[in-house]
Amino acid sequence: MRVVFMGTPEFSVPVLDALADRHQVVCVYCQPPRPAGRGKKDRPSPVQARAEALGLPVRHPVSLRTAEAQADFAALGADVAVVVAYGLILPPAILAAPAKGCLNIHASLLPRWRGAAPIHRAIMAGDAETGVCIMQMDAGLDTGPVLLRRAIPIGAGETTAELHDRLSALGAVAIIEALERLETLVPEPQPADGVTYAQKIDKAEAQVDFTKAAPEVDRQIRGLSPFPGAWVQVGAERLKLLRSRVVDGQGAPGTVLGGLTVACGSGAVDITLAQREGKRPMGADELLRGWALPDRI
């Protein structure tokens, strides 16, 4: 098939690789390069970098609402557009241009966790499973009918980074299957029941409140790892908490029970990976070598 690929972050790269291996990717759309690093120089997105390495043409318009952008898109003569974490809303003229429509790879089991941060929200909510859906795009926010869904369990100690990578790989497999079966797959409208929205993560959510129960604190830590990173204030610096597990223990919330084990509103969490400001992530033993925590954080 003649495929237009539309994606931007690292999550989208395995999908691009899979499509380029099986189909004719006629153009790649992604977000424009953004200032990054200490020098704040424009840096291409992971998708742009990979597309250029594959020798694929790349476009990064700031909008798809202009007549020129829509005409350029239609002129590609695509059979289908595959969209995954692109970052721009597709107007009706774009949605209608490919002969077989626009397909979105969404990292949740729709209609649960429509929206921007489905992986974070699934872990933070304590969901037992998640997955990917291949969805026919319409004008709504992740509201289109589902062509294919694939579910996987969420590991008891899994972080967003780990689940992100598993879902990215699963999405690459699922879209290839969906394209192979496109003529026979029956679109299933999403049910009205069970709709939830995965709001974009607000940095204000990242500060840990140890008055909450240990399982909730653990899910917050793992769900926000590695970005933006759950944190606590320790003296004059923020300590970022990146991995944890629920353990037995009791005390006033925030009391350090030993090592990096901290009492919660009920139970305790053992912080197994953390990061001081300006330093790399470390396990508890290494982090505490030469650095004493106060009795309470």
C-alpha atoms as a PDB file:
ATOM      1  CA  MET A   1       0.000   0.000   0.000  1.00  0.00           C
ATOM      2  CA  ARG A   2       0.919   3.643  -0.427  1.00  0.00           C
ATOM      3  CA  VAL A   3       1.098   4.818   3.191  1.00  0.00           C
ATOM      4  CA  VAL A   4       1.451   8.263   4.711  1.00  0.00           C
ATOM      5  CA  PHE A   5       2.880   7.964   8.223  1.00  0.00           C
ATOM      6  CA  MET A   6       2.119  10.619  10.824  1.00  0.00           C
ATOM      7  CA  GLY A   7       3.925  10.469  14.174  1.00  0.00           C
ATOM      8  CA  THR A   8       6.493  12.311  16.245  1.00  0.00           C
ATOM      9  CA  PRO A   9       7.957  10.759  19.448  1.00  0.00           C
ATOM     10  CA  GLU A  10      10.024   7.656  20.148  1.00  0.00           C
ATOM     11  CA  PHE A  11       6.823   5.641  20.668  1.00  0.00           C
ATOM     12  CA  SER A  12       6.075   6.001  16.941  1.00  0.00           C
ATOM     13  CA  VAL A  13       9.453   4.856  15.591  1.00  0.00           C
ATOM     14  CA  PRO A  14       8.918   1.041  15.709  1.00  0.00           C
ATOM     15  CA  VAL A  15       5.657   1.542  13.807  1.00  0.00           C
ATOM     16  CA  LEU A  16       7.451   3.520  11.104  1.00  0.00           C
ATOM     17  CA  ASP A  17      10.085   0.783  10.816  1.00  0.00           C
ATOM     18  CA  ALA A  18       7.437  -1.914  10.454  1.00  0.00           C
ATOM     19  CA  LEU A  19       5.543   0.029   7.788  1.00  0.00           C
ATOM     20  CA  ALA A  20       8.680   0.868   5.820  1.00  0.00           C
ATOM     21  CA  ASP A  21       9.573  -2.832   5.791  1.00  0.00           C
ATOM     22  CA  ARG A  22       6.201  -3.969   4.401  1.00  0.00           C
ATOM     23  CA  HIS A  23       4.680  -1.042   2.504  1.00  0.00           C
ATOM     24  CA  GLN A  24       5.556   2.012   0.427  1.00  0.00           C
ATOM     25  CA  VAL A  25       5.787   4.934   2.827  1.00  0.00           C
ATOM     26  CA  VAL A  26       5.303   7.859   0.455  1.00  0.00           C
ATOM     27  CA  CYS A  27       5.756  10.589   3.074  1.00  0.00           C
ATOM     28  CA  VAL A  28       6.322  11.038   6.799  1.00  0.00           C
ATOM     29  CA  TYR A  29       4.609  13.841   8.716  1.00  0.00           C
ATOM     30  CA  CYS A  30       5.877  14.874  12.146  1.00  0.00           C
ATOM     31  CA  GLN A  31       6.145  17.873  14.433  1.00  0.00           C
ATOM     32  CA  PRO A  32       8.770  20.505  13.516  1.00  0.00           C
ATOM     33  CA  PRO A  33      12.202  20.402  15.171  1.00  0.00           C
ATOM     34  CA  ARG A  34      12.182  21.949  18.660  1.00  0.00           C
ATOM     35  CA  PRO A  35      14.908  23.661  20.700  1.00  0.00           C
ATOM     36  CA  ALA A  36      16.578  21.097  22.975  1.00  0.00           C
ATOM     37  CA  GLY A  37      19.746  20.508  24.945  1.00  0.00           C
ATOM     38  CA  ARG A  38      21.989  23.017  26.647  1.00  0.00           C
ATOM     39  CA  GLY A  39      22.468  25.057  23.509  1.00  0.00           C
ATOM     40  CA  LYS A  40      18.732  25.106  22.788  1.00  0.00           C
ATOM     41  CA  LYS A  41      19.409  24.246  19.158  1.00  0.00           C
ATOM     42  CA  ASP A  42      16.572  22.888  17.039  1.00  0.00           C
ATOM     43  CA  ARG A  43      16.518  19.106  17.283  1.00  0.00           C
ATOM     44  CA  PRO A  44      14.482  16.886  14.947  1.00  0.00           C
ATOM     45  CA  SER A  45      11.952  14.563  16.513  1.00  0.00           C
ATOM     46  CA  PRO A  46      12.757  10.837  16.813  1.00  0.00           C
ATOM     47  CA  VAL A  47      10.435  10.114  13.885  1.00  0.00           C
ATOM     48  CA  GLN A  48      12.076  12.724  11.654  1.00  0.00           C
ATOM     49  CA  ALA A  49      15.539  11.396  12.489  1.00  0.00           C
ATOM     50  CA  ARG A  50      14.486   7.816  11.705  1.00  0.00           C
ATOM     51  CA  ALA A  51      12.653   8.769   8.516  1.00  0.00           C
ATOM     52  CA  GLU A  52      15.686  10.637   7.207  1.00  0.00           C
ATOM     53  CA  ALA A  53      17.890   7.642   8.050  1.00  0.00           C
ATOM     54  CA  LEU A  54      15.512   5.479   5.990  1.00  0.00           C
ATOM     55  CA  GLY A  55      15.649   7.948   3.110  1.00  0.00           C
ATOM     56  CA  LEU A  56      11.964   8.862   3.373  1.00  0.00           C
ATOM     57  CA  PRO A  57      10.571  12.313   2.539  1.00  0.00           C
ATOM     58  CA  VAL A  58       9.588  14.301   5.641  1.00  0.00           C
ATOM     59  CA  ARG A  59       7.142  17.153   6.131  1.00  0.00           C
ATOM     60  CA  HIS A  60       6.476  19.036   9.353  1.00  0.00           C
ATOM     61  CA  PRO A  61       3.800  21.674   8.739  1.00  0.00           C
ATOM     62  CA  VAL A  62       2.715  23.757  11.710  1.00  0.00           C
ATOM     63  CA  SER A  63      -0.906  23.304  10.643  1.00  0.00           C
ATOM     64  CA  LEU A  64      -2.951  21.070   8.359  1.00  0.00           C
ATOM     65  CA  ARG A  65      -5.840  23.515   8.127  1.00  0.00           C
ATOM     66  CA  THR A  66      -4.574  25.546   5.171  1.00  0.00           C
ATOM     67  CA  ALA A  67      -5.720  24.819   1.629  1.00  0.00           C
ATOM     68  CA  GLU A  68      -2.085  24.414   0.555  1.00  0.00           C
ATOM     69  CA  ALA A  69      -1.295  21.824   3.227  1.00  0.00           C
ATOM     70  CA  GLN A  70      -4.443  19.861   2.389  1.00  0.00           C
ATOM     71  CA  ALA A  71      -3.732  19.934  -1.339  1.00  0.00           C
ATOM     72  CA  ASP A  72      -0.152  18.741  -0.741  1.00  0.00           C
ATOM     73  CA  PHE A  73      -1.452  15.896   1.394  1.00  0.00           C
ATOM     74  CA  ALA A  74      -4.090  14.824  -1.137  1.00  0.00           C
ATOM     75  CA  ALA A  75      -1.527  14.914  -3.963  1.00  0.00           C
ATOM     76  CA  LEU A  76       0.371  12.041  -2.297  1.00  0.00           C
ATOM     77  CA  GLY A  77      -2.353   9.662  -3.500  1.00  0.00           C
ATOM     78  CA  ALA A  78      -2.150   7.561  -0.337  1.00  0.00           C
ATOM     79  CA  ASP A  79      -4.151   4.386   0.129  1.00  0.00           C
ATOM     80  CA  VAL A  80      -4.086   4.919   3.890  1.00  0.00           C
ATOM     81  CA  ALA A  81      -2.615   7.203   6.540  1.00  0.00           C
ATOM     82  CA  VAL A  82      -1.300   5.675   9.766  1.00  0.00           C
ATOM     83  CA  VAL A  83      -1.292   8.041  12.718  1.00  0.00           C
ATOM     84  CA  VAL A  84       0.382   7.433  16.078  1.00  0.00           C
ATOM     85  CA  ALA A  85       1.175  10.197  18.581  1.00  0.00           C
ATOM     86  CA  TYR A  86       1.417  12.816  15.838  1.00  0.00           C
ATOM     87  CA  GLY A  87       0.449  15.936  17.758  1.00  0.00           C
ATOM     88  CA  LEU A  88      -1.797  17.806  15.311  1.00  0.00           C
ATOM     89  CA  ILE A  89      -5.553  17.547  14.854  1.00  0.00           C
ATOM     90  CA  LEU A  90      -6.482  16.216  11.422  1.00  0.00           C
ATOM     91  CA  PRO A  91      -9.212  18.337   9.788  1.00  0.00           C
ATOM     92  CA  PRO A  92     -11.965  16.674   7.714  1.00  0.00           C
ATOM     93  CA  ALA A  93     -10.173  17.258   4.402  1.00  0.00           C
ATOM     94  CA  ILE A  94      -7.125  15.324   5.653  1.00  0.00           C
ATOM     95  CA  LEU A  95      -9.234  12.522   7.130  1.00  0.00           C
ATOM     96  CA  ALA A  96     -11.042  12.093   3.806  1.00  0.00           C
ATOM     97  CA  ALA A  97      -8.005  12.185   1.502  1.00  0.00           C
ATOM     98  CA  PRO A  98      -6.587   8.615   1.722  1.00  0.00           C
ATOM     99  CA  ALA A  99      -8.622   6.072  -0.235  1.00  0.00           C
ATOM    100  CA  LYS A 100      -8.949   3.744   2.764  1.00  0.00           C
ATOM    101  CA  GLY A 101      -9.032   6.431   5.436  1.00  0.00           C
ATOM    102  CA  CYS A 102      -6.814   7.334   8.386  1.00  0.00           C
ATOM    103  CA  LEU A 103      -5.993   4.719  11.010  1.00  0.00           C
ATOM    104  CA  ASN A 104      -4.838   5.641  14.503  1.00  0.00           C
ATOM    105  CA  ILE A 105      -2.821   3.440  16.849  1.00  0.00           C
ATOM    106  CA  HIS A 106      -3.953   4.266  20.371  1.00  0.00           C
ATOM    107  CA  ALA A 107      -2.196   2.899  23.461  1.00  0.00           C
ATOM    108  CA  SER A 108      -5.226   1.810  25.479  1.00  0.00           C
ATOM    109  CA  LEU A 109      -8.236  -0.476  25.304  1.00  0.00           C
ATOM    110  CA  LEU A 110     -10.772   2.044  24.065  1.00  0.00           C
ATOM    111  CA  PRO A 111     -13.062   3.571  25.203  1.00  0.00           C
ATOM    112  CA  ARG A 112     -10.954   3.528  28.388  1.00  0.00           C
ATOM    113  CA  TRP A 113      -8.265   6.202  28.445  1.00  0.00           C
ATOM    114  CA  ARG A 114      -8.997   8.299  25.419  1.00  0.00           C
ATOM    115  CA  GLY A 115      -6.655  11.259  25.229  1.00  0.00           C
ATOM    116  CA  ALA A 116      -3.079  12.293  25.740  1.00  0.00           C
ATOM    117  CA  ALA A 117      -1.566  10.114  28.493  1.00  0.00           C
ATOM    118  CA  PRO A 118      -3.124   6.641  28.412  1.00  0.00           C
ATOM    119  CA  ILE A 119      -0.017   4.760  29.546  1.00  0.00           C
ATOM    120  CA  HIS A 120       0.614   6.932  32.598  1.00  0.00           C
ATOM    121  CA  ARG A 121      -3.051   6.887  33.582  1.00  0.00           C
ATOM    122  CA  ALA A 122      -3.440   3.124  33.272  1.00  0.00           C
ATOM    123  CA  ILE A 123      -0.585   2.497  35.722  1.00  0.00           C
ATOM    124  CA  MET A 124      -1.619   5.275  38.099  1.00  0.00           C
ATOM    125  CA  ALA A 125      -5.180   3.925  38.195  1.00  0.00           C
ATOM    126  CA  GLY A 126      -3.996   0.394  38.978  1.00  0.00           C
ATOM    127  CA  ASP A 127      -5.417  -1.171  35.803  1.00  0.00           C
ATOM    128  CA  ALA A 128      -4.680  -4.881  35.472  1.00  0.00           C
ATOM    129  CA  GLU A 129      -4.353  -4.725  31.689  1.00  0.00           C
ATOM    130  CA  THR A 130      -4.038  -2.349  28.774  1.00  0.00           C
ATOM    131  CA  GLY A 131      -3.231  -2.714  25.097  1.00  0.00           C
ATOM    132  CA  VAL A 132      -3.472  -1.054  21.706  1.00  0.00           C
ATOM    133  CA  CYS A 133      -6.410  -0.325  19.443  1.00  0.00           C
ATOM    134  CA  ILE A 134      -6.312   0.263  15.707  1.00  0.00           C
ATOM    135  CA  MET A 135      -9.058   2.804  15.198  1.00  0.00           C
ATOM    136  CA  GLN A 136     -10.669   4.440  12.179  1.00  0.00           C
ATOM    137  CA  MET A 137     -10.241   8.142  12.788  1.00  0.00           C
ATOM    138  CA  ASP A 138     -13.166  10.537  12.874  1.00  0.00           C
ATOM    139  CA  ALA A 139     -13.572  14.146  14.000  1.00  0.00           C
ATOM    140  CA  GLY A 140     -13.753  13.280  17.729  1.00  0.00           C
ATOM    141  CA  LEU A 141     -11.020  12.688  20.288  1.00  0.00           C
ATOM    142  CA  ASP A 142     -10.249   8.958  19.982  1.00  0.00           C
ATOM    143  CA  THR A 143     -13.930   8.248  19.337  1.00  0.00           C
ATOM    144  CA  GLY A 144     -13.743   6.334  16.054  1.00  0.00           C
ATOM    145  CA  PRO A 145     -14.734   2.689  15.539  1.00  0.00           C
ATOM    146  CA  VAL A 146     -12.135   0.065  16.436  1.00  0.00           C
ATOM    147  CA  LEU A 147     -10.845  -2.331  13.794  1.00  0.00           C
ATOM    148  CA  LEU A 148      -8.451  -4.366  15.936  1.00  0.00           C
ATOM    149  CA  ARG A 149      -7.542  -4.560  19.610  1.00  0.00           C
ATOM    150  CA  ARG A 150      -4.734  -6.382  21.356  1.00  0.00           C
ATOM    151  CA  ALA A 151      -4.544  -6.594  25.173  1.00  0.00           C
ATOM    152  CA  ILE A 152      -1.573  -7.225  27.480  1.00  0.00           C
ATOM    153  CA  PRO A 153      -1.314  -7.419  31.290  1.00  0.00           C
ATOM    154  CA  ILE A 154       0.394  -4.625  33.211  1.00  0.00           C
ATOM    155  CA  GLY A 155       3.225  -5.967  35.343  1.00  0.00           C
ATOM    156  CA  ALA A 156       2.992  -5.508  39.114  1.00  0.00           C
ATOM    157  CA  GLY A 157       6.197  -3.446  39.230  1.00  0.00           C
ATOM    158  CA  GLU A 158       6.087  -1.991  35.725  1.00  0.00           C
ATOM    159  CA  THR A 159       6.927   1.643  35.038  1.00  0.00           C
ATOM    160  CA  THR A 160       5.523   3.845  32.305  1.00  0.00           C
ATOM    161  CA  ALA A 161       8.858   3.628  30.466  1.00  0.00           C
ATOM    162  CA  GLU A 162       8.695  -0.169  30.367  1.00  0.00           C
ATOM    163  CA  LEU A 163       5.028  -0.328  29.397  1.00  0.00           C
ATOM    164  CA  HIS A 164       5.619   2.371  26.765  1.00  0.00           C
ATOM    165  CA  ASP A 165       8.182   0.179  25.012  1.00  0.00           C
ATOM    166  CA  ARG A 166       5.984  -2.925  25.113  1.00  0.00           C
ATOM    167  CA  LEU A 167       2.976  -1.073  23.719  1.00  0.00           C
ATOM    168  CA  SER A 168       5.061   0.560  21.004  1.00  0.00           C
ATOM    169  CA  ALA A 169       6.232  -2.860  19.808  1.00  0.00           C
ATOM    170  CA  LEU A 170       2.693  -4.239  20.058  1.00  0.00           C
ATOM    171  CA  GLY A 171       1.343  -1.340  18.012  1.00  0.00           C
ATOM    172  CA  ALA A 172       3.851  -2.063  15.237  1.00  0.00           C
ATOM    173  CA  VAL A 173       2.692  -5.680  15.030  1.00  0.00           C
ATOM    174  CA  ALA A 174      -0.991  -4.759  15.245  1.00  0.00           C
ATOM    175  CA  ILE A 175      -0.938  -2.183  12.445  1.00  0.00           C
ATOM    176  CA  ILE A 176       0.732  -4.613  10.043  1.00  0.00           C
ATOM    177  CA  GLU A 177      -1.961  -7.183  10.840  1.00  0.00           C
ATOM    178  CA  ALA A 178      -4.704  -4.593  10.438  1.00  0.00           C
ATOM    179  CA  LEU A 179      -3.441  -3.486   7.030  1.00  0.00           C
ATOM    180  CA  GLU A 180      -3.175  -7.093   5.846  1.00  0.00           C
ATOM    181  CA  ARG A 181      -6.775  -7.742   6.948  1.00  0.00           C
ATOM    182  CA  LEU A 182      -8.167  -4.309   6.146  1.00  0.00           C
ATOM    183  CA  GLU A 183     -10.717  -5.522   3.600  1.00  0.00           C
ATOM    184  CA  THR A 184     -12.286  -8.015   6.023  1.00  0.00           C
ATOM    185  CA  LEU A 185     -12.085  -6.270   9.406  1.00  0.00           C
ATOM    186  CA  VAL A 186     -15.424  -5.031  10.701  1.00  0.00           C
ATOM    187  CA  PRO A 187     -15.298  -1.632  12.453  1.00  0.00           C
ATOM    188  CA  GLU A 188     -16.827  -1.829  15.946  1.00  0.00           C
ATOM    189  CA  PRO A 189     -18.313   1.402  17.337  1.00  0.00           C
ATOM    190  CA  GLN A 190     -17.000   2.195  20.791  1.00  0.00           C
ATOM    191  CA  PRO A 191     -19.538   1.588  23.573  1.00  0.00           C
ATOM    192  CA  ALA A 192     -20.893   4.560  25.487  1.00  0.00           C
ATOM    193  CA  ASP A 193     -20.163   2.843  28.798  1.00  0.00           C
ATOM    194  CA  GLY A 194     -16.647   2.784  30.206  1.00  0.00           C
ATOM    195  CA  VAL A 195     -15.400   6.012  28.645  1.00  0.00           C
ATOM    196  CA  THR A 196     -12.517   7.603  30.569  1.00  0.00           C
ATOM    197  CA  TYR A 197     -10.126  10.380  29.576  1.00  0.00           C
ATOM    198  CA  ALA A 198      -6.371  10.310  30.040  1.00  0.00           C
ATOM    199  CA  GLN A 199      -5.684  13.963  30.703  1.00  0.00           C
ATOM    200  CA  LYS A 200      -2.205  15.260  29.942  1.00  0.00           C
ATOM    201  CA  ILE A 201       0.079  14.853  32.949  1.00  0.00           C
ATOM    202  CA  ASP A 202       0.349  18.056  34.952  1.00  0.00           C
ATOM    203  CA  LYS A 203       3.652  18.553  36.741  1.00  0.00           C
ATOM    204  CA  ALA A 204       1.669  19.530  39.827  1.00  0.00           C
ATOM    205  CA  GLU A 205       0.650  15.860  40.085  1.00  0.00           C
ATOM    206  CA  ALA A 206       4.243  14.759  40.544  1.00  0.00           C
ATOM    207  CA  GLN A 207       4.829  15.714  44.196  1.00  0.00           C
ATOM    208  CA  VAL A 208       4.378  12.632  46.376  1.00  0.00           C
ATOM    209  CA  ASP A 209       1.894  12.778  49.238  1.00  0.00           C
ATOM    210  CA  PHE A 210       2.840  10.057  51.708  1.00  0.00           C
ATOM    211  CA  THR A 211      -0.470  10.416  53.566  1.00  0.00           C
ATOM    212  CA  LYS A 212      -1.986   8.323  50.774  1.00  0.00           C
ATOM    213  CA  ALA A 213      -2.022   4.529  50.969  1.00  0.00           C
ATOM    214  CA  ALA A 214       1.145   2.753  49.886  1.00  0.00           C
ATOM    215  CA  PRO A 215      -0.354   1.151  46.741  1.00  0.00           C
ATOM    216  CA  GLU A 216      -1.459   4.566  45.476  1.00  0.00           C
ATOM    217  CA  VAL A 217       1.951   6.107  46.163  1.00  0.00           C
ATOM    218  CA  ASP A 218       3.653   3.186  44.413  1.00  0.00           C
ATOM    219  CA  ARG A 219       1.445   3.565  41.343  1.00  0.00           C
ATOM    220  CA  GLN A 220       2.161   7.309  41.232  1.00  0.00           C
ATOM    221  CA  ILE A 221       5.908   6.696  41.339  1.00  0.00           C
ATOM    222  CA  ARG A 222       5.851   4.015  38.647  1.00  0.00           C
ATOM    223  CA  GLY A 223       3.263   5.812  36.517  1.00  0.00           C
ATOM    224  CA  LEU A 224       5.312   9.018  36.373  1.00  0.00           C
ATOM    225  CA  SER A 225       8.632   7.269  35.694  1.00  0.00           C
ATOM    226  CA  PRO A 226      10.677   8.523  33.965  1.00  0.00           C
ATOM    227  CA  PHE A 227       8.751  11.672  33.041  1.00  0.00           C
ATOM    228  CA  PRO A 228       7.921  13.974  34.676  1.00  0.00           C
ATOM    229  CA  GLY A 229       9.103  11.909  37.660  1.00  0.00           C
ATOM    230  CA  ALA A 230       7.423  11.773  41.061  1.00  0.00           C
ATOM    231  CA  TRP A 231       9.416  13.740  43.624  1.00  0.00           C
ATOM    232  CA  VAL A 232       9.817  14.719  47.252  1.00  0.00           C
ATOM    233  CA  GLN A 233      11.605  17.649  48.797  1.00  0.00           C
ATOM    234  CA  VAL A 234      14.683  16.618  50.785  1.00  0.00           C
ATOM    235  CA  GLY A 235      16.339  19.632  52.330  1.00  0.00           C
ATOM    236  CA  ALA A 236      17.156  22.112  49.589  1.00  0.00           C
ATOM    237  CA  GLU A 237      16.759  19.694  46.687  1.00  0.00           C
ATOM    238  CA  ARG A 238      14.154  17.584  44.986  1.00  0.00           C
ATOM    239  CA  LEU A 239      14.648  13.847  45.011  1.00  0.00           C
ATOM    240  CA  LYS A 240      13.056  12.187  42.009  1.00  0.00           C
ATOM    241  CA  LEU A 241      11.554   8.759  42.734  1.00  0.00           C
ATOM    242  CA  LEU A 242      11.677   6.408  39.740  1.00  0.00           C
ATOM    243  CA  ARG A 243      10.875   2.913  40.957  1.00  0.00           C
ATOM    244  CA  SER A 244       9.256   1.468  44.066  1.00  0.00           C
ATOM    245  CA  ARG A 245       7.425  -1.455  45.608  1.00  0.00           C
ATOM    246  CA  VAL A 246       4.873  -1.818  48.375  1.00  0.00           C
ATOM    247  CA  VAL A 247       6.267  -3.322  51.590  1.00  0.00           C
ATOM    248  CA  ASP A 248       5.151  -3.914  55.168  1.00  0.00           C
ATOM    249  CA  GLY A 249       5.835  -1.060  57.535  1.00  0.00           C
ATOM    250  CA  GLN A 250       4.091   1.556  59.586  1.00  0.00           C
ATOM    251  CA  GLY A 251       4.743   4.975  60.996  1.00  0.00           C
ATOM    252  CA  ALA A 252       3.718   8.577  60.576  1.00  0.00           C
ATOM    253  CA  PRO A 253       3.388   9.331  56.835  1.00  0.00           C
ATOM    254  CA  GLY A 254       6.748  10.355  55.395  1.00  0.00           C
ATOM    255  CA  THR A 255       8.794   8.705  58.152  1.00  0.00           C
ATOM    256  CA  VAL A 256      11.947   7.060  56.819  1.00  0.00           C
ATOM    257  CA  LEU A 257      11.863   3.535  58.235  1.00  0.00           C
ATOM    258  CA  GLY A 258      15.330   2.613  57.031  1.00  0.00           C
ATOM    259  CA  GLY A 259      17.216   2.946  53.763  1.00  0.00           C
ATOM    260  CA  LEU A 260      14.710   4.409  51.305  1.00  0.00           C
ATOM    261  CA  THR A 261      11.649   2.757  52.835  1.00  0.00           C
ATOM    262  CA  VAL A 262       9.042   5.392  53.686  1.00  0.00           C
ATOM    263  CA  ALA A 263       5.846   5.049  55.716  1.00  0.00           C
ATOM    264  CA  CYS A 264       2.581   5.984  54.004  1.00  0.00           C
ATOM    265  CA  GLY A 265      -0.956   6.605  55.211  1.00  0.00           C
ATOM    266  CA  SER A 266      -1.183   2.830  55.337  1.00  0.00           C
ATOM    267  CA  GLY A 267       1.719   0.507  54.645  1.00  0.00           C
ATOM    268  CA  ALA A 268       5.026   1.677  53.227  1.00  0.00           C
ATOM    269  CA  VAL A 269       6.914   1.968  49.961  1.00  0.00           C
ATOM    270  CA  ASP A 270      10.481   0.919  49.330  1.00  0.00           C
ATOM    271  CA  ILE A 271      12.138   3.274  46.814  1.00  0.00           C
ATOM    272  CA  THR A 272      14.427   1.117  44.691  1.00  0.00           C
ATOM    273  CA  LEU A 273      15.539   3.737  42.141  1.00  0.00           C
ATOM    274  CA  ALA A 274      15.872   7.480  42.689  1.00  0.00           C
ATOM    275  CA  GLN A 275      17.721  10.478  41.303  1.00  0.00           C
ATOM    276  CA  ARG A 276      19.234  13.472  43.041  1.00  0.00           C
ATOM    277  CA  GLU A 277      19.381  16.810  41.252  1.00  0.00           C
ATOM    278  CA  GLY A 278      22.165  16.907  38.680  1.00  0.00           C
ATOM    279  CA  LYS A 279      22.990  13.213  39.119  1.00  0.00           C
ATOM    280  CA  ARG A 280      22.106   9.965  37.367  1.00  0.00           C
ATOM    281  CA  PRO A 281      19.473   7.527  38.654  1.00  0.00           C
ATOM    282  CA  MET A 282      20.800   5.262  41.413  1.00  0.00           C
ATOM    283  CA  GLY A 283      19.678   2.334  43.500  1.00  0.00           C
ATOM    284  CA  ALA A 284      19.003   3.007  47.180  1.00  0.00           C
ATOM    285  CA  ASP A 285      22.328   1.728  48.515  1.00  0.00           C
ATOM    286  CA  GLU A 286      24.406   3.786  46.095  1.00  0.00           C
ATOM    287  CA  LEU A 287      22.308   6.908  46.503  1.00  0.00           C
ATOM    288  CA  LEU A 288      22.557   6.848  50.302  1.00  0.00           C
ATOM    289  CA  ARG A 289      26.316   6.302  50.348  1.00  0.00           C
ATOM    290  CA  GLY A 290      27.614   9.516  51.926  1.00  0.00           C
ATOM    291  CA  TRP A 291      24.176  11.146  51.957  1.00  0.00           C
ATOM    292  CA  ALA A 292      21.933  10.872  55.014  1.00  0.00           C
ATOM    293  CA  LEU A 293      18.202  11.354  54.742  1.00  0.00           C
ATOM    294  CA  PRO A 294      16.322  13.191  57.477  1.00  0.00           C
ATOM    295  CA  ASP A 295      14.027  11.136  59.695  1.00  0.00           C
ATOM    296  CA  ARG A 296      11.030  12.328  57.715  1.00  0.00           C
ATOM    297  CA  ILE A 297      10.540  13.450  54.117  1.00  0.00           C
END
